[in-house]
Amino acid sequence: MITPTGPNAHPQPGLRTRPRLDRVLIGAAIGWGIVILILAIVYPVESVNTGHPGVQPMRSLVAVNGYGVLLPAAIPLLIAMIVGLLHCARPSARWASIAAWILSGAVLLAGLVGFVTFLIGIYVVPTGALLVVALASATSGRSPPGPRAPGRARRSM
C-alpha cells in the first residue's frame, strides 16, 4: 500500500479553518451588547440640573436612574445571544431562521426608532445591523428553496 506524501497528505493538528463570517458577526453583535451594558454604567449621557447657571454635570444612566436601567440595556445583548443560538444550533431549521430574522429586524428597527426619538437608540443600531448582515451573509451562500432543474441534485450543507 502506498501512502500519500506531501503537505496535503494528512490533516495537520493545530491548523484552523477560517471562521464563518456569520458567526464572527454574531459574536461582534454579542460583544457590542456587552459594550452597551458597560456604557450604561460608566458613560455620562444625562445632564443633572444643579440649579446653578452654566454647564451642568453629566451622569451615567445607572447613576441617574439606578441599576434597574440595566435590564432594558441588556435587551440587545439577550436578543443577540438568542439569535446566535437559533442560527448556530439550528441552522437548517426554517422556524429558527424565521425567528432569527424577526428578532434581528426588530432590534434594528427599534434602534432606528430609538435613534430618532431617544439618545440611546444610536447605541442599539450596530447590534441590529450586525445581526442582519450576519443572517444575510449566511443565507447568501445557501441555495434557495424551490424546484430544481431536472437532473440537478440539491447540494448538501
Protein backbone atom coordinates (compact mmCIF):
# COMPACT_ATOMS: atom_id res chain seq x y z
CA MET A 1 0.00 0.00 0.00
CA ILE A 2 1.36 3.41 -0.95
CA THR A 3 0.73 6.25 1.47
CA PRO A 4 0.44 9.75 0.09
CA THR A 5 3.14 12.24 0.95
CA GLY A 6 3.27 15.99 0.82
CA PRO A 7 1.67 18.88 2.68
CA ASN A 8 -1.92 17.80 1.92
CA ALA A 9 -1.46 14.11 2.69
CA HIS A 10 -2.80 14.16 6.25
CA PRO A 11 -4.66 16.78 8.25
CA GLN A 12 -2.33 18.84 10.35
CA PRO A 13 -3.27 19.21 14.01
CA GLY A 14 -3.20 22.81 15.05
CA LEU A 15 -4.23 24.22 11.67
CA ARG A 16 -7.54 26.03 11.83
CA THR A 17 -10.07 26.71 9.18
CA ARG A 18 -11.22 30.26 8.67
CA PRO A 19 -14.27 31.07 10.84
CA ARG A 20 -17.51 31.70 9.03
CA LEU A 21 -18.41 35.36 8.59
CA ASP A 22 -21.90 34.95 10.02
CA ARG A 23 -20.58 33.55 13.30
CA VAL A 24 -17.97 36.31 13.56
CA LEU A 25 -20.66 38.96 13.05
CA ILE A 26 -22.98 37.37 15.61
CA GLY A 27 -20.06 37.33 18.05
CA ALA A 28 -19.45 41.01 17.32
CA ALA A 29 -23.15 41.74 17.97
CA ILE A 30 -22.92 39.96 21.33
CA GLY A 31 -19.75 41.91 22.11
CA TRP A 32 -21.45 45.18 21.25
CA GLY A 33 -24.34 44.21 23.55
CA ILE A 34 -21.81 43.87 26.37
CA VAL A 35 -20.39 47.29 25.46
CA ILE A 36 -23.91 48.77 25.74
CA LEU A 37 -24.16 47.46 29.30
CA ILE A 38 -20.77 48.89 30.20
CA LEU A 39 -21.67 52.25 28.64
CA ALA A 40 -24.90 52.35 30.66
CA ILE A 41 -22.80 52.08 33.81
CA VAL A 42 -19.91 54.42 33.04
CA TYR A 43 -20.67 56.72 30.09
CA PRO A 44 -22.18 60.10 31.11
CA VAL A 45 -25.17 60.81 28.86
CA GLU A 46 -27.70 62.59 31.10
CA SER A 47 -27.22 66.07 32.47
CA VAL A 48 -28.16 66.70 36.07
CA ASN A 49 -29.67 70.07 36.95
CA THR A 50 -27.76 71.61 39.85
CA GLY A 51 -29.76 74.83 39.98
CA HIS A 52 -26.70 76.89 39.13
CA PRO A 53 -26.23 78.64 35.81
CA GLY A 54 -23.68 77.30 33.38
CA VAL A 55 -22.69 73.87 32.21
CA GLN A 56 -24.49 71.11 34.08
CA PRO A 57 -22.67 67.92 35.11
CA MET A 58 -23.30 64.73 33.17
CA ARG A 59 -24.02 61.39 34.81
CA SER A 60 -24.34 57.83 33.51
CA LEU A 61 -27.71 56.13 33.09
CA VAL A 62 -27.12 53.98 36.16
CA ALA A 63 -26.06 56.97 38.28
CA VAL A 64 -29.25 58.86 37.38
CA ASN A 65 -31.82 56.05 37.13
CA GLY A 66 -30.36 53.24 39.25
CA TYR A 67 -29.42 49.67 38.35
CA GLY A 68 -32.91 48.96 37.02
CA VAL A 69 -31.86 50.61 33.76
CA LEU A 70 -29.53 47.68 33.07
CA LEU A 71 -32.48 45.41 32.25
CA PRO A 72 -33.60 47.43 29.19
CA ALA A 73 -29.95 47.99 28.27
CA ALA A 74 -29.41 44.21 28.27
CA ILE A 75 -32.21 43.52 25.76
CA PRO A 76 -29.96 43.88 22.65
CA LEU A 77 -27.42 41.52 24.26
CA LEU A 78 -30.10 38.96 25.10
CA ILE A 79 -31.57 39.11 21.61
CA ALA A 80 -28.12 38.76 20.03
CA MET A 81 -27.50 35.68 22.16
CA ILE A 82 -30.87 34.18 21.20
CA VAL A 83 -30.24 34.87 17.50
CA GLY A 84 -26.80 33.26 17.84
CA LEU A 85 -28.31 30.17 19.44
CA LEU A 86 -31.07 29.94 16.83
CA HIS A 87 -28.65 30.39 13.96
CA CYS A 88 -25.78 28.21 15.15
CA ALA A 89 -27.70 25.44 16.92
CA ARG A 90 -30.43 25.02 14.30
CA PRO A 91 -29.03 26.44 11.04
CA SER A 92 -31.22 24.33 8.77
CA ALA A 93 -34.50 24.69 10.71
CA ARG A 94 -36.84 27.05 8.88
CA TRP A 95 -38.60 28.20 12.06
CA ALA A 96 -35.27 29.07 13.68
CA SER A 97 -34.22 31.09 10.64
CA ILE A 98 -37.52 32.99 10.57
CA ALA A 99 -37.34 33.69 14.32
CA ALA A 100 -33.73 34.89 13.98
CA TRP A 101 -34.67 37.23 11.11
CA ILE A 102 -37.66 38.63 13.04
CA LEU A 103 -35.59 39.28 16.17
CA SER A 104 -32.73 40.83 14.20
CA GLY A 105 -35.06 43.09 12.25
CA ALA A 106 -36.86 44.09 15.44
CA VAL A 107 -33.60 45.12 17.12
CA LEU A 108 -32.53 47.13 14.07
CA LEU A 109 -35.94 48.80 13.76
CA ALA A 110 -36.06 49.57 17.49
CA GLY A 111 -32.57 51.07 17.28
CA LEU A 112 -33.55 53.27 14.34
CA VAL A 113 -36.75 54.42 16.05
CA GLY A 114 -34.82 54.96 19.27
CA PHE A 115 -32.20 56.95 17.39
CA VAL A 116 -34.87 59.35 16.19
CA THR A 117 -36.76 59.60 19.47
CA PHE A 118 -34.18 58.92 22.19
CA LEU A 119 -30.46 59.43 22.51
CA ILE A 120 -29.81 55.80 23.41
CA GLY A 121 -31.12 54.27 20.16
CA ILE A 122 -27.90 55.03 18.29
CA TYR A 123 -26.10 52.53 20.53
CA VAL A 124 -28.55 49.73 19.60
CA VAL A 125 -28.29 50.17 15.81
CA PRO A 126 -24.90 48.39 15.49
CA THR A 127 -26.26 45.27 17.23
CA GLY A 128 -29.22 45.06 14.87
CA ALA A 129 -27.11 45.82 11.81
CA LEU A 130 -24.51 43.17 12.71
CA LEU A 131 -27.24 40.56 13.22
CA VAL A 132 -28.99 41.38 9.94
CA VAL A 133 -25.72 41.29 7.98
CA ALA A 134 -24.75 38.00 9.68
CA LEU A 135 -28.01 36.35 8.69
CA ALA A 136 -27.83 37.81 5.18
CA SER A 137 -24.29 36.51 4.70
CA ALA A 138 -25.33 33.07 5.90
CA THR A 139 -28.31 32.85 3.57
CA SER A 140 -26.43 34.20 0.55
CA GLY A 141 -24.33 31.04 0.42
CA ARG A 142 -27.32 28.71 0.56
CA SER A 143 -29.30 27.61 -2.43
CA PRO A 144 -32.84 28.99 -2.43
CA PRO A 145 -35.66 26.56 -1.68
CA GLY A 146 -37.91 25.59 -4.53
CA PRO A 147 -37.98 23.41 -7.61
CA ARG A 148 -34.71 22.29 -9.12
CA ALA A 149 -33.86 21.77 -12.74
CA PRO A 150 -34.26 18.13 -13.77
CA GLY A 151 -31.15 16.11 -13.17
CA ARG A 152 -29.68 18.55 -10.66
CA ALA A 153 -29.35 17.32 -7.12
CA ARG A 154 -29.69 19.55 -4.09
CA ARG A 155 -26.35 20.47 -2.57
CA SER A 156 -25.68 19.17 0.92
CA MET A 157 -24.64 21.68 3.54
